[in-house]
Amino acid sequence: MNETYKIRIGVAAARELEFDVEDPDAVSAAYEKAVADDDDVFWITDVRGHRFGVAVGSIAFIELERPEQRGVGFGL
């Protein structure tokens, strides 16, 4: 099973959008391409196959969070 990464995007309206994705590098590459190509919309597909469009001009930041390592048993 593939690990999923959580992607959090801050937008100008002081809100965050949060997505679970499997390939954070593809997301950052798509964002960089959208900015370089002067696109109006940046598209993300989450782990469930849903596509979301975010206005590039309203993005304040993008945070990539590593998956949590879950232990087994009582160990830390």
C-alpha atoms as a PDB file:
ATOM      1  CA  MET A   1       0.000   0.000   0.000  1.00  0.00           C
ATOM      2  CA  ASN A   2       1.308   3.447  -0.888  1.00  0.00           C
ATOM      3  CA  GLU A   3       1.872   6.053   1.796  1.00  0.00           C
ATOM      4  CA  THR A   4      -0.288   9.134   1.540  1.00  0.00           C
ATOM      5  CA  TYR A   5       1.009  12.639   2.105  1.00  0.00           C
ATOM      6  CA  LYS A   6      -1.072  15.467   3.436  1.00  0.00           C
ATOM      7  CA  ILE A   7      -0.929  18.677   1.389  1.00  0.00           C
ATOM      8  CA  ARG A   8      -2.060  21.922   3.007  1.00  0.00           C
ATOM      9  CA  ILE A   9      -2.533  25.073   0.893  1.00  0.00           C
ATOM     10  CA  GLY A  10      -3.066  28.490   2.435  1.00  0.00           C
ATOM     11  CA  VAL A  11      -5.139  30.867   0.365  1.00  0.00           C
ATOM     12  CA  ALA A  12      -5.432  34.628   0.546  1.00  0.00           C
ATOM     13  CA  ALA A  13      -8.742  34.461   2.424  1.00  0.00           C
ATOM     14  CA  ALA A  14      -6.860  33.181   5.535  1.00  0.00           C
ATOM     15  CA  ARG A  15      -8.100  29.628   5.039  1.00  0.00           C
ATOM     16  CA  GLU A  16      -6.386  26.361   4.270  1.00  0.00           C
ATOM     17  CA  LEU A  17      -7.351  23.582   1.898  1.00  0.00           C
ATOM     18  CA  GLU A  18      -6.116  20.111   2.833  1.00  0.00           C
ATOM     19  CA  PHE A  19      -5.672  17.107   0.534  1.00  0.00           C
ATOM     20  CA  ASP A  20      -4.273  13.591   0.925  1.00  0.00           C
ATOM     21  CA  VAL A  21      -2.011  12.708  -2.013  1.00  0.00           C
ATOM     22  CA  GLU A  22       0.413   9.898  -2.792  1.00  0.00           C
ATOM     23  CA  ASP A  23       3.034  11.923  -4.699  1.00  0.00           C
ATOM     24  CA  PRO A  24       3.900  15.300  -3.152  1.00  0.00           C
ATOM     25  CA  ASP A  25       6.688  15.866  -5.695  1.00  0.00           C
ATOM     26  CA  ALA A  26       4.143  15.736  -8.525  1.00  0.00           C
ATOM     27  CA  VAL A  27       2.015  18.309  -6.696  1.00  0.00           C
ATOM     28  CA  SER A  28       4.920  20.718  -6.211  1.00  0.00           C
ATOM     29  CA  ALA A  29       6.029  20.224  -9.841  1.00  0.00           C
ATOM     30  CA  ALA A  30       2.479  20.927 -11.075  1.00  0.00           C
ATOM     31  CA  TYR A  31       2.323  24.088  -8.960  1.00  0.00           C
ATOM     32  CA  GLU A  32       5.710  25.296 -10.238  1.00  0.00           C
ATOM     33  CA  LYS A  33       4.590  24.616 -13.822  1.00  0.00           C
ATOM     34  CA  ALA A  34       1.312  26.493 -13.277  1.00  0.00           C
ATOM     35  CA  VAL A  35       3.237  29.503 -11.965  1.00  0.00           C
ATOM     36  CA  ALA A  36       5.826  29.360 -14.774  1.00  0.00           C
ATOM     37  CA  ASP A  37       3.119  29.036 -17.447  1.00  0.00           C
ATOM     38  CA  ASP A  38       1.109  31.877 -15.868  1.00  0.00           C
ATOM     39  CA  ASP A  39      -1.916  29.587 -15.460  1.00  0.00           C
ATOM     40  CA  ASP A  40      -4.934  30.830 -13.535  1.00  0.00           C
ATOM     41  CA  VAL A  41      -5.779  27.465 -11.940  1.00  0.00           C
ATOM     42  CA  PHE A  42      -3.635  24.821 -10.238  1.00  0.00           C
ATOM     43  CA  TRP A  43      -5.180  21.317 -10.283  1.00  0.00           C
ATOM     44  CA  ILE A  44      -4.708  18.629  -7.606  1.00  0.00           C
ATOM     45  CA  THR A  45      -6.009  15.042  -7.638  1.00  0.00           C
ATOM     46  CA  ASP A  46      -6.333  13.464  -4.199  1.00  0.00           C
ATOM     47  CA  VAL A  47      -6.007   9.786  -3.201  1.00  0.00           C
ATOM     48  CA  ARG A  48      -9.725   9.191  -3.874  1.00  0.00           C
ATOM     49  CA  GLY A  49      -9.434  10.482  -7.436  1.00  0.00           C
ATOM     50  CA  HIS A  50     -11.221  13.789  -6.801  1.00  0.00           C
ATOM     51  CA  ARG A  51      -9.840  16.778  -8.719  1.00  0.00           C
ATOM     52  CA  PHE A  52      -9.668  20.221  -7.155  1.00  0.00           C
ATOM     53  CA  GLY A  53      -8.829  23.509  -8.833  1.00  0.00           C
ATOM     54  CA  VAL A  54      -7.246  26.314  -6.831  1.00  0.00           C
ATOM     55  CA  ALA A  55      -6.720  29.832  -8.166  1.00  0.00           C
ATOM     56  CA  VAL A  56      -2.935  30.265  -8.427  1.00  0.00           C
ATOM     57  CA  GLY A  57      -3.147  33.943  -7.507  1.00  0.00           C
ATOM     58  CA  SER A  58      -4.799  33.164  -4.178  1.00  0.00           C
ATOM     59  CA  ILE A  59      -2.189  30.667  -2.926  1.00  0.00           C
ATOM     60  CA  ALA A  60      -0.193  32.054  -0.002  1.00  0.00           C
ATOM     61  CA  PHE A  61       1.800  28.887   0.794  1.00  0.00           C
ATOM     62  CA  ILE A  62       1.975  25.135   0.239  1.00  0.00           C
ATOM     63  CA  GLU A  63       3.036  22.834   3.074  1.00  0.00           C
ATOM     64  CA  LEU A  64       4.017  19.207   2.459  1.00  0.00           C
ATOM     65  CA  GLU A  65       3.666  17.018   5.557  1.00  0.00           C
ATOM     66  CA  ARG A  66       5.318  13.609   5.796  1.00  0.00           C
ATOM     67  CA  PRO A  67       3.115  10.667   6.762  1.00  0.00           C
ATOM     68  CA  GLU A  68       3.080   9.740  10.438  1.00  0.00           C
ATOM     69  CA  GLN A  69       5.051   6.641  11.335  1.00  0.00           C
ATOM     70  CA  ARG A  70       2.695   4.393  13.221  1.00  0.00           C
ATOM     71  CA  GLY A  71       4.243   1.998  15.704  1.00  0.00           C
ATOM     72  CA  VAL A  72       3.020  -1.435  16.625  1.00  0.00           C
ATOM     73  CA  GLY A  73       2.498  -2.465  20.226  1.00  0.00           C
ATOM     74  CA  PHE A  74       3.486  -0.396  23.237  1.00  0.00           C
ATOM     75  CA  GLY A  75       6.834   0.954  21.968  1.00  0.00           C
ATOM     76  CA  LEU A  76       7.431   4.635  21.402  1.00  0.00           C
END
